[in-house]
Amino acid sequence: MKVHRIGQHSVFVMPFLQVPHDYKERQVLVNGEEESLLHKALVHFSLKGYVHNDIWWRHIGIISVKTPVQHNHNLRSRRKSKRAEVPTSTNHTEEVVVLCDLGNEVMECHDSSEQQEWVKASFDKLKARIGGVASAGPA
């Protein structure tokens, strides 16, 4: 997030956040169980010392993050046995899941066993609400 000043006003520039709306989009986030994007986001949130006991799919967002990737290329010089490594950089885009719009219902939690229980319960709850009859109620 960036803050720009326009005249006497501050303007926040934020990344686009995509909320997974349908079964297909949500299924991608839970595939792989503990290695899934959703599970990793819940673990990250809890390791920061927070939990939220009323989590719904509307609290889950996806952003694209560009990260630089370093590559070393071997270039052969004109002399037969010498090679030169030339570092280059490219941008890699990855999808990251974030929790958003949690209001004031976020609670601090620093007990690791409670954090693990919260992650499991929240993941299972969201997975059960991925679509079909179990998704009745707020999105």
N, C-alpha and C. Protein backbone atom coordinates (compact mmCIF):
# COMPACT_ATOMS: atom_id res chain seq x y z
N MET A 1 0.84 -1.16 0.00
CA MET A 1 0.00 0.00 0.00
C MET A 1 0.90 1.23 0.00
N LYS A 2 0.52 2.21 -0.79
CA LYS A 2 1.26 3.46 -0.87
C LYS A 2 0.34 4.61 -0.51
N VAL A 3 0.92 5.66 0.03
CA VAL A 3 0.17 6.87 0.35
C VAL A 3 0.71 8.00 -0.52
N HIS A 4 -0.18 8.65 -1.23
CA HIS A 4 0.19 9.80 -2.05
C HIS A 4 -0.54 11.02 -1.53
N ARG A 5 0.11 12.17 -1.62
CA ARG A 5 -0.53 13.44 -1.24
C ARG A 5 -0.99 14.13 -2.51
N ILE A 6 -2.26 14.49 -2.54
CA ILE A 6 -2.82 15.28 -3.64
C ILE A 6 -3.40 16.53 -2.99
N GLY A 7 -2.73 17.63 -3.19
CA GLY A 7 -3.14 18.86 -2.50
C GLY A 7 -3.01 18.66 -1.01
N GLN A 8 -4.11 18.86 -0.29
CA GLN A 8 -4.11 18.69 1.16
C GLN A 8 -4.67 17.33 1.59
N HIS A 9 -4.90 16.45 0.61
CA HIS A 9 -5.52 15.15 0.91
C HIS A 9 -4.53 14.00 0.72
N SER A 10 -4.69 12.98 1.54
CA SER A 10 -3.91 11.75 1.40
C SER A 10 -4.75 10.72 0.66
N VAL A 11 -4.12 10.01 -0.26
CA VAL A 11 -4.81 8.98 -1.04
C VAL A 11 -4.06 7.67 -0.87
N PHE A 12 -4.79 6.61 -0.52
CA PHE A 12 -4.20 5.28 -0.40
C PHE A 12 -4.30 4.56 -1.74
N VAL A 13 -3.21 4.00 -2.19
CA VAL A 13 -3.20 3.19 -3.40
C VAL A 13 -2.99 1.75 -2.94
N MET A 14 -3.99 0.91 -3.20
CA MET A 14 -3.96 -0.46 -2.71
C MET A 14 -4.04 -1.44 -3.88
N PRO A 15 -3.51 -2.65 -3.68
CA PRO A 15 -3.58 -3.65 -4.75
C PRO A 15 -5.01 -4.15 -4.93
N PHE A 16 -5.31 -4.62 -6.14
CA PHE A 16 -6.61 -5.21 -6.43
C PHE A 16 -6.76 -6.50 -5.64
N LEU A 17 -7.88 -6.69 -5.01
CA LEU A 17 -8.16 -7.87 -4.20
C LEU A 17 -9.31 -8.63 -4.83
N GLN A 18 -9.08 -9.88 -5.19
CA GLN A 18 -10.13 -10.72 -5.78
C GLN A 18 -10.70 -11.62 -4.69
N VAL A 19 -12.01 -11.61 -4.53
CA VAL A 19 -12.68 -12.48 -3.56
C VAL A 19 -13.18 -13.71 -4.31
N PRO A 20 -12.82 -14.92 -3.86
CA PRO A 20 -13.28 -16.13 -4.55
C PRO A 20 -14.78 -16.32 -4.36
N HIS A 21 -15.53 -16.25 -5.47
CA HIS A 21 -16.99 -16.28 -5.38
C HIS A 21 -17.63 -17.64 -5.64
N ASP A 22 -17.01 -18.47 -6.45
CA ASP A 22 -17.70 -19.71 -6.81
C ASP A 22 -16.88 -20.94 -6.39
N TYR A 23 -17.50 -22.08 -6.59
CA TYR A 23 -16.89 -23.35 -6.19
C TYR A 23 -15.50 -23.53 -6.80
N LYS A 24 -15.38 -23.24 -8.08
CA LYS A 24 -14.12 -23.45 -8.79
C LYS A 24 -13.00 -22.61 -8.20
N GLU A 25 -13.26 -21.33 -7.95
CA GLU A 25 -12.24 -20.44 -7.38
C GLU A 25 -11.87 -20.86 -5.96
N ARG A 26 -12.84 -21.28 -5.19
CA ARG A 26 -12.58 -21.69 -3.81
C ARG A 26 -11.85 -23.02 -3.75
N GLN A 27 -12.19 -23.93 -4.65
CA GLN A 27 -11.54 -25.25 -4.68
C GLN A 27 -10.04 -25.11 -4.91
N VAL A 28 -9.65 -24.18 -5.76
CA VAL A 28 -8.22 -23.95 -6.03
C VAL A 28 -7.50 -23.57 -4.73
N LEU A 29 -8.16 -22.81 -3.87
CA LEU A 29 -7.52 -22.33 -2.64
C LEU A 29 -7.39 -23.40 -1.57
N VAL A 30 -8.21 -24.47 -1.62
CA VAL A 30 -8.12 -25.52 -0.60
C VAL A 30 -7.40 -26.76 -1.09
N ASN A 31 -7.12 -26.84 -2.38
CA ASN A 31 -6.40 -28.01 -2.92
C ASN A 31 -5.04 -28.13 -2.26
N GLY A 32 -4.73 -29.34 -1.83
CA GLY A 32 -3.44 -29.59 -1.19
C GLY A 32 -3.49 -29.53 0.32
N GLU A 33 -4.70 -29.33 0.86
CA GLU A 33 -4.90 -29.29 2.32
C GLU A 33 -3.87 -28.38 3.00
N GLU A 34 -2.91 -28.94 3.74
CA GLU A 34 -1.97 -28.12 4.50
C GLU A 34 -0.98 -27.35 3.64
N GLU A 35 -0.85 -27.72 2.38
CA GLU A 35 0.03 -27.00 1.45
C GLU A 35 -0.76 -25.99 0.61
N SER A 36 -2.05 -25.89 0.85
CA SER A 36 -2.91 -25.01 0.05
C SER A 36 -2.66 -23.54 0.39
N LEU A 37 -3.03 -22.68 -0.55
CA LEU A 37 -2.88 -21.24 -0.32
C LEU A 37 -3.71 -20.77 0.86
N LEU A 38 -4.91 -21.30 1.02
CA LEU A 38 -5.77 -20.90 2.14
C LEU A 38 -5.15 -21.31 3.47
N HIS A 39 -4.69 -22.54 3.58
CA HIS A 39 -4.11 -23.02 4.83
C HIS A 39 -2.88 -22.20 5.20
N LYS A 40 -2.03 -21.90 4.21
CA LYS A 40 -0.84 -21.09 4.48
C LYS A 40 -1.21 -19.70 4.98
N ALA A 41 -2.27 -19.12 4.43
CA ALA A 41 -2.71 -17.79 4.88
C ALA A 41 -3.22 -17.83 6.31
N LEU A 42 -3.98 -18.86 6.65
CA LEU A 42 -4.50 -19.00 8.02
C LEU A 42 -3.35 -19.19 9.01
N VAL A 43 -2.37 -20.00 8.64
CA VAL A 43 -1.20 -20.20 9.51
C VAL A 43 -0.45 -18.89 9.68
N HIS A 44 -0.22 -18.17 8.60
CA HIS A 44 0.49 -16.89 8.67
C HIS A 44 -0.23 -15.92 9.61
N PHE A 45 -1.55 -15.82 9.48
CA PHE A 45 -2.35 -14.93 10.31
C PHE A 45 -2.22 -15.32 11.78
N SER A 46 -2.32 -16.62 12.07
CA SER A 46 -2.27 -17.06 13.47
C SER A 46 -0.87 -16.87 14.07
N LEU A 47 0.17 -17.05 13.25
CA LEU A 47 1.53 -16.87 13.75
C LEU A 47 1.83 -15.41 14.07
N LYS A 48 1.03 -14.50 13.53
CA LYS A 48 1.16 -13.08 13.88
C LYS A 48 0.50 -12.79 15.23
N GLY A 49 -0.17 -13.83 15.80
CA GLY A 49 -0.78 -13.69 17.12
C GLY A 49 -2.26 -13.36 17.10
N TYR A 50 -2.94 -13.66 15.98
CA TYR A 50 -4.36 -13.32 15.87
C TYR A 50 -5.21 -14.50 15.44
N VAL A 51 -6.47 -14.47 15.83
CA VAL A 51 -7.49 -15.41 15.36
C VAL A 51 -8.78 -14.63 15.15
N HIS A 52 -9.69 -15.21 14.39
CA HIS A 52 -10.99 -14.60 14.11
C HIS A 52 -12.00 -15.74 14.08
N ASN A 53 -12.93 -15.75 15.02
CA ASN A 53 -13.80 -16.91 15.18
C ASN A 53 -15.03 -16.94 14.30
N ASP A 54 -15.25 -15.94 13.49
CA ASP A 54 -16.42 -15.93 12.61
C ASP A 54 -15.98 -15.70 11.17
N ILE A 55 -15.14 -16.58 10.66
CA ILE A 55 -14.55 -16.39 9.34
C ILE A 55 -15.43 -17.00 8.24
N TRP A 56 -15.63 -16.23 7.17
CA TRP A 56 -16.43 -16.66 6.02
C TRP A 56 -15.60 -16.43 4.76
N TRP A 57 -16.09 -16.93 3.64
CA TRP A 57 -15.37 -16.75 2.38
C TRP A 57 -15.25 -15.27 2.01
N ARG A 58 -16.15 -14.43 2.47
CA ARG A 58 -16.05 -13.00 2.15
C ARG A 58 -14.84 -12.35 2.81
N HIS A 59 -14.23 -13.04 3.78
CA HIS A 59 -13.04 -12.54 4.45
C HIS A 59 -11.74 -12.98 3.76
N ILE A 60 -11.87 -13.74 2.69
CA ILE A 60 -10.71 -14.28 1.99
C ILE A 60 -10.51 -13.52 0.68
N GLY A 61 -9.30 -13.05 0.45
CA GLY A 61 -8.99 -12.36 -0.79
C GLY A 61 -7.71 -12.90 -1.41
N ILE A 62 -7.58 -12.68 -2.71
CA ILE A 62 -6.40 -13.13 -3.44
C ILE A 62 -5.77 -11.92 -4.10
N ILE A 63 -4.48 -11.76 -3.91
CA ILE A 63 -3.76 -10.69 -4.60
C ILE A 63 -2.59 -11.32 -5.37
N SER A 64 -2.19 -10.67 -6.43
CA SER A 64 -1.02 -11.11 -7.19
C SER A 64 0.17 -10.28 -6.72
N VAL A 65 1.24 -10.97 -6.38
CA VAL A 65 2.44 -10.31 -5.87
C VAL A 65 3.59 -10.62 -6.81
N LYS A 66 4.28 -9.58 -7.22
CA LYS A 66 5.46 -9.76 -8.07
C LYS A 66 6.70 -9.83 -7.18
N THR A 67 7.48 -10.87 -7.39
CA THR A 67 8.73 -11.01 -6.65
C THR A 67 9.87 -11.19 -7.64
N PRO A 68 10.98 -10.53 -7.41
CA PRO A 68 12.11 -10.69 -8.33
C PRO A 68 12.75 -12.06 -8.15
N VAL A 69 13.12 -12.67 -9.26
CA VAL A 69 13.79 -13.97 -9.25
C VAL A 69 15.16 -13.79 -9.89
N GLN A 70 16.18 -14.20 -9.17
CA GLN A 70 17.55 -14.09 -9.69
C GLN A 70 17.90 -15.34 -10.48
N HIS A 71 18.50 -15.16 -11.63
CA HIS A 71 18.97 -16.27 -12.45
C HIS A 71 20.45 -16.05 -12.71
N ASN A 72 21.22 -17.12 -12.71
CA ASN A 72 22.61 -17.05 -13.12
C ASN A 72 22.75 -17.81 -14.43
N HIS A 73 23.21 -17.14 -15.43
CA HIS A 73 23.40 -17.76 -16.74
C HIS A 73 24.89 -17.96 -16.98
N ASN A 74 25.24 -19.15 -17.44
CA ASN A 74 26.62 -19.42 -17.80
C ASN A 74 26.84 -18.99 -19.24
N LEU A 75 27.74 -18.07 -19.41
CA LEU A 75 28.11 -17.65 -20.76
C LEU A 75 29.53 -18.12 -21.04
N ARG A 76 29.70 -18.76 -22.13
CA ARG A 76 31.01 -19.26 -22.49
C ARG A 76 31.81 -18.14 -23.15
N SER A 77 32.99 -17.95 -22.65
CA SER A 77 33.84 -16.93 -23.26
C SER A 77 34.51 -17.52 -24.49
N ARG A 78 35.23 -16.68 -25.17
CA ARG A 78 35.91 -17.15 -26.39
C ARG A 78 37.01 -18.15 -26.06
N ARG A 79 37.50 -18.10 -24.86
CA ARG A 79 38.50 -19.09 -24.47
C ARG A 79 37.74 -20.36 -24.09
N LYS A 80 38.27 -21.47 -24.42
CA LYS A 80 37.54 -22.73 -24.34
C LYS A 80 37.04 -23.10 -22.95
N SER A 81 37.81 -23.01 -21.92
CA SER A 81 37.41 -23.56 -20.63
C SER A 81 36.84 -22.55 -19.66
N LYS A 82 36.77 -21.31 -20.02
CA LYS A 82 36.30 -20.30 -19.06
C LYS A 82 34.83 -19.98 -19.30
N ARG A 83 34.10 -19.91 -18.21
CA ARG A 83 32.69 -19.53 -18.26
C ARG A 83 32.48 -18.36 -17.32
N ALA A 84 31.60 -17.50 -17.69
CA ALA A 84 31.28 -16.36 -16.83
C ALA A 84 29.82 -16.48 -16.42
N GLU A 85 29.55 -16.33 -15.12
CA GLU A 85 28.17 -16.33 -14.64
C GLU A 85 27.65 -14.91 -14.66
N VAL A 86 26.54 -14.72 -15.34
CA VAL A 86 25.94 -13.40 -15.45
C VAL A 86 24.59 -13.42 -14.74
N PRO A 87 24.46 -12.70 -13.63
CA PRO A 87 23.16 -12.69 -12.94
C PRO A 87 22.16 -11.81 -13.69
N THR A 88 20.95 -12.31 -13.82
CA THR A 88 19.87 -11.53 -14.39
C THR A 88 18.67 -11.65 -13.46
N SER A 89 17.75 -10.74 -13.60
CA SER A 89 16.58 -10.73 -12.73
C SER A 89 15.32 -10.64 -13.58
N THR A 90 14.31 -11.43 -13.20
CA THR A 90 13.00 -11.34 -13.82
C THR A 90 11.97 -11.27 -12.71
N ASN A 91 10.77 -10.84 -13.03
CA ASN A 91 9.70 -10.80 -12.04
C ASN A 91 8.85 -12.04 -12.16
N HIS A 92 8.55 -12.63 -11.02
CA HIS A 92 7.69 -13.80 -10.94
C HIS A 92 6.42 -13.35 -10.23
N THR A 93 5.26 -13.67 -10.78
CA THR A 93 4.00 -13.31 -10.14
C THR A 93 3.40 -14.54 -9.48
N GLU A 94 3.03 -14.38 -8.22
CA GLU A 94 2.39 -15.48 -7.51
C GLU A 94 1.12 -14.98 -6.82
N GLU A 95 0.19 -15.89 -6.66
CA GLU A 95 -1.06 -15.57 -5.98
C GLU A 95 -0.85 -15.75 -4.48
N VAL A 96 -1.31 -14.79 -3.70
CA VAL A 96 -1.21 -14.85 -2.25
C VAL A 96 -2.60 -14.64 -1.67
N VAL A 97 -2.96 -15.46 -0.70
CA VAL A 97 -4.26 -15.34 -0.04
C VAL A 97 -4.09 -14.47 1.20
N VAL A 98 -5.01 -13.53 1.38
CA VAL A 98 -4.98 -12.64 2.54
C VAL A 98 -6.35 -12.66 3.21
N LEU A 99 -6.37 -12.33 4.50
CA LEU A 99 -7.61 -12.19 5.23
C LEU A 99 -7.93 -10.70 5.30
N CYS A 100 -9.19 -10.36 5.05
CA CYS A 100 -9.55 -8.95 4.99
C CYS A 100 -10.92 -8.70 5.60
N ASP A 101 -11.21 -7.45 5.86
CA ASP A 101 -12.52 -7.00 6.34
C ASP A 101 -12.98 -7.78 7.58
N LEU A 102 -12.07 -7.92 8.54
CA LEU A 102 -12.38 -8.70 9.73
C LEU A 102 -13.01 -7.88 10.85
N GLY A 103 -13.07 -6.58 10.67
CA GLY A 103 -13.70 -5.73 11.67
C GLY A 103 -12.97 -5.79 13.00
N ASN A 104 -13.73 -5.58 14.06
CA ASN A 104 -13.11 -5.56 15.39
C ASN A 104 -13.24 -6.91 16.11
N GLU A 105 -13.54 -7.96 15.37
CA GLU A 105 -13.70 -9.28 15.99
C GLU A 105 -12.40 -10.08 16.01
N VAL A 106 -11.30 -9.47 15.64
CA VAL A 106 -10.01 -10.14 15.68
C VAL A 106 -9.54 -10.19 17.13
N MET A 107 -9.10 -11.36 17.55
CA MET A 107 -8.62 -11.52 18.93
C MET A 107 -7.15 -11.91 18.92
N GLU A 108 -6.45 -11.47 19.93
CA GLU A 108 -5.06 -11.87 20.06
C GLU A 108 -5.00 -13.28 20.62
N CYS A 109 -4.04 -14.05 20.12
CA CYS A 109 -3.85 -15.43 20.58
C CYS A 109 -2.38 -15.77 20.40
N HIS A 110 -1.70 -16.08 21.51
CA HIS A 110 -0.28 -16.37 21.45
C HIS A 110 0.04 -17.80 21.88
N ASP A 111 -0.98 -18.60 22.14
CA ASP A 111 -0.79 -20.00 22.51
C ASP A 111 -0.75 -20.84 21.24
N SER A 112 0.37 -21.53 21.01
CA SER A 112 0.55 -22.24 19.73
C SER A 112 -0.47 -23.36 19.53
N SER A 113 -0.88 -24.04 20.58
CA SER A 113 -1.87 -25.11 20.40
C SER A 113 -3.24 -24.53 20.04
N GLU A 114 -3.60 -23.39 20.63
CA GLU A 114 -4.85 -22.72 20.27
C GLU A 114 -4.79 -22.20 18.84
N GLN A 115 -3.64 -21.70 18.43
CA GLN A 115 -3.47 -21.23 17.05
C GLN A 115 -3.66 -22.38 16.06
N GLN A 116 -3.06 -23.54 16.35
CA GLN A 116 -3.19 -24.70 15.48
C GLN A 116 -4.64 -25.17 15.40
N GLU A 117 -5.32 -25.17 16.54
CA GLU A 117 -6.74 -25.56 16.56
C GLU A 117 -7.57 -24.59 15.74
N TRP A 118 -7.28 -23.29 15.86
CA TRP A 118 -8.02 -22.29 15.09
C TRP A 118 -7.79 -22.47 13.59
N VAL A 119 -6.56 -22.70 13.19
CA VAL A 119 -6.25 -22.91 11.77
C VAL A 119 -7.03 -24.09 11.24
N LYS A 120 -7.00 -25.21 11.95
CA LYS A 120 -7.71 -26.41 11.50
C LYS A 120 -9.21 -26.18 11.44
N ALA A 121 -9.78 -25.60 12.49
CA ALA A 121 -11.22 -25.36 12.53
C ALA A 121 -11.65 -24.38 11.43
N SER A 122 -10.88 -23.33 11.22
CA SER A 122 -11.23 -22.34 10.19
C SER A 122 -11.11 -22.93 8.80
N PHE A 123 -10.05 -23.70 8.56
CA PHE A 123 -9.87 -24.33 7.25
C PHE A 123 -11.02 -25.30 6.97
N ASP A 124 -11.34 -26.14 7.96
CA ASP A 124 -12.43 -27.11 7.79
C ASP A 124 -13.77 -26.41 7.57
N LYS A 125 -14.01 -25.33 8.31
CA LYS A 125 -15.25 -24.57 8.20
C LYS A 125 -15.40 -23.96 6.80
N LEU A 126 -14.32 -23.35 6.31
CA LEU A 126 -14.37 -22.75 4.98
C LEU A 126 -14.49 -23.83 3.89
N LYS A 127 -13.79 -24.93 4.07
CA LYS A 127 -13.86 -26.01 3.09
C LYS A 127 -15.27 -26.58 3.01
N ALA A 128 -15.94 -26.68 4.16
CA ALA A 128 -17.32 -27.18 4.19
C ALA A 128 -18.28 -26.20 3.51
N ARG A 129 -17.91 -24.93 3.46
CA ARG A 129 -18.77 -23.90 2.85
C ARG A 129 -18.36 -23.57 1.42
N ILE A 130 -17.62 -24.46 0.80
CA ILE A 130 -17.08 -24.16 -0.52
C ILE A 130 -18.14 -24.06 -1.60
N GLY A 131 -19.24 -24.72 -1.43
CA GLY A 131 -20.31 -24.68 -2.42
C GLY A 131 -21.36 -25.72 -2.09
N GLY A 132 -22.47 -25.69 -2.82
CA GLY A 132 -23.55 -26.64 -2.57
C GLY A 132 -24.36 -26.28 -1.34
N VAL A 133 -25.00 -27.28 -0.74
CA VAL A 133 -25.90 -27.06 0.40
C VAL A 133 -25.16 -26.51 1.61
N ALA A 134 -23.93 -26.94 1.84
CA ALA A 134 -23.17 -26.50 3.02
C ALA A 134 -22.83 -25.03 2.98
N SER A 135 -23.01 -24.38 1.82
CA SER A 135 -22.60 -22.97 1.73
C SER A 135 -23.74 -22.01 2.06
N ALA A 136 -24.86 -22.52 2.56
CA ALA A 136 -25.97 -21.64 2.92
C ALA A 136 -25.50 -20.64 3.98
N GLY A 137 -26.01 -19.46 3.93
CA GLY A 137 -25.59 -18.42 4.88
C GLY A 137 -24.73 -17.40 4.18
N PRO A 138 -24.16 -16.49 4.93
CA PRO A 138 -23.33 -15.46 4.31
C PRO A 138 -22.15 -16.06 3.56
N ALA A 139 -21.76 -15.41 2.49
CA ALA A 139 -20.66 -15.95 1.67
C ALA A 139 -19.38 -15.86 2.35
